[in-house]
Amino acid sequence: MAAHEILAATNAVVTLDVALPGIVWPWFVTMNMWAKSIGTGVIFMLFILIEKCTQNQLRS
């Protein structure tokens, strides 16, 4: 690596931690997590019920 490339890499500016004025994210993140957890729970319960129904049919 050339010296100017090393210097350019060490002078990087992090911009992901900059707060944007007027944008409130906590409610959006909270609702996103609730939606994901509910959706995951529904799919998980669906697979459990399908498995139980197929096991009961095999026993009969």
C-alpha atoms as a PDB file:
ATOM      1  CA  MET A   1       0.000   0.000   0.000  1.00  0.00           C
ATOM      2  CA  ALA A   2       1.295   3.427  -0.855  1.00  0.00           C
ATOM      3  CA  ALA A   3       1.759   6.089   1.799  1.00  0.00           C
ATOM      4  CA  HIS A   4      -1.046   8.303   0.451  1.00  0.00           C
ATOM      5  CA  GLU A   5      -3.486   5.334   0.557  1.00  0.00           C
ATOM      6  CA  ILE A   6      -2.655   4.675   4.215  1.00  0.00           C
ATOM      7  CA  LEU A   7      -3.059   8.358   5.040  1.00  0.00           C
ATOM      8  CA  ALA A   8      -6.411   8.484   3.215  1.00  0.00           C
ATOM      9  CA  ALA A   9      -7.630   5.418   5.083  1.00  0.00           C
ATOM     10  CA  THR A  10      -6.738   6.864   8.478  1.00  0.00           C
ATOM     11  CA  ASN A  11      -8.554  10.128   7.759  1.00  0.00           C
ATOM     12  CA  ALA A  12     -11.901   8.406   7.214  1.00  0.00           C
ATOM     13  CA  VAL A  13     -14.966  10.139   8.597  1.00  0.00           C
ATOM     14  CA  VAL A  14     -17.707   8.049  10.205  1.00  0.00           C
ATOM     15  CA  THR A  15     -21.092   9.427   9.198  1.00  0.00           C
ATOM     16  CA  LEU A  16     -23.431   6.669  10.376  1.00  0.00           C
ATOM     17  CA  ASP A  17     -23.605   8.017  13.927  1.00  0.00           C
ATOM     18  CA  VAL A  18     -24.829  11.479  12.908  1.00  0.00           C
ATOM     19  CA  ALA A  19     -28.275  12.348  14.264  1.00  0.00           C
ATOM     20  CA  LEU A  20     -30.619  13.668  11.610  1.00  0.00           C
ATOM     21  CA  PRO A  21     -32.809  16.545  12.801  1.00  0.00           C
ATOM     22  CA  GLY A  22     -36.531  15.908  12.757  1.00  0.00           C
ATOM     23  CA  ILE A  23     -36.300  12.140  12.321  1.00  0.00           C
ATOM     24  CA  VAL A  24     -37.449  10.044  15.248  1.00  0.00           C
ATOM     25  CA  TRP A  25     -36.524   6.381  14.826  1.00  0.00           C
ATOM     26  CA  PRO A  26     -37.354   4.651  18.137  1.00  0.00           C
ATOM     27  CA  TRP A  27     -41.050   4.076  17.373  1.00  0.00           C
ATOM     28  CA  PHE A  28     -40.230   2.698  13.925  1.00  0.00           C
ATOM     29  CA  VAL A  29     -37.641   0.295  15.301  1.00  0.00           C
ATOM     30  CA  THR A  30     -40.005  -0.815  18.062  1.00  0.00           C
ATOM     31  CA  MET A  31     -42.862  -1.486  15.655  1.00  0.00           C
ATOM     32  CA  ASN A  32     -40.526  -3.326  13.291  1.00  0.00           C
ATOM     33  CA  MET A  33     -39.376  -5.615  16.098  1.00  0.00           C
ATOM     34  CA  TRP A  34     -42.973  -6.260  17.198  1.00  0.00           C
ATOM     35  CA  ALA A  35     -44.004  -7.117  13.636  1.00  0.00           C
ATOM     36  CA  LYS A  36     -41.066  -9.480  13.177  1.00  0.00           C
ATOM     37  CA  SER A  37     -41.695 -11.245  16.484  1.00  0.00           C
ATOM     38  CA  ILE A  38     -45.406 -11.690  15.800  1.00  0.00           C
ATOM     39  CA  GLY A  39     -44.750 -12.957  12.278  1.00  0.00           C
ATOM     40  CA  THR A  40     -42.089 -15.362  13.501  1.00  0.00           C
ATOM     41  CA  GLY A  41     -44.365 -16.659  16.234  1.00  0.00           C
ATOM     42  CA  VAL A  42     -47.229 -17.246  13.796  1.00  0.00           C
ATOM     43  CA  ILE A  43     -45.010 -19.151  11.373  1.00  0.00           C
ATOM     44  CA  PHE A  44     -43.429 -21.147  14.205  1.00  0.00           C
ATOM     45  CA  MET A  45     -46.832 -22.118  15.607  1.00  0.00           C
ATOM     46  CA  LEU A  46     -48.030 -23.059  12.118  1.00  0.00           C
ATOM     47  CA  PHE A  47     -45.140 -25.492  11.710  1.00  0.00           C
ATOM     48  CA  ILE A  48     -45.766 -26.959  15.158  1.00  0.00           C
ATOM     49  CA  LEU A  49     -49.472 -27.474  14.420  1.00  0.00           C
ATOM     50  CA  ILE A  50     -48.739 -29.034  11.033  1.00  0.00           C
ATOM     51  CA  GLU A  51     -46.248 -31.404  12.649  1.00  0.00           C
ATOM     52  CA  LYS A  52     -48.715 -32.404  15.380  1.00  0.00           C
ATOM     53  CA  CYS A  53     -51.527 -32.963  12.878  1.00  0.00           C
ATOM     54  CA  THR A  54     -49.380 -35.155  10.636  1.00  0.00           C
ATOM     55  CA  GLN A  55     -48.216 -37.197  13.648  1.00  0.00           C
ATOM     56  CA  ASN A  56     -51.832 -37.708  14.796  1.00  0.00           C
ATOM     57  CA  GLN A  57     -52.875 -38.814  11.305  1.00  0.00           C
ATOM     58  CA  LEU A  58     -50.013 -41.302  11.133  1.00  0.00           C
ATOM     59  CA  ARG A  59     -51.056 -42.829  14.475  1.00  0.00           C
ATOM     60  CA  SER A  60     -54.703 -43.263  13.410  1.00  0.00           C
END
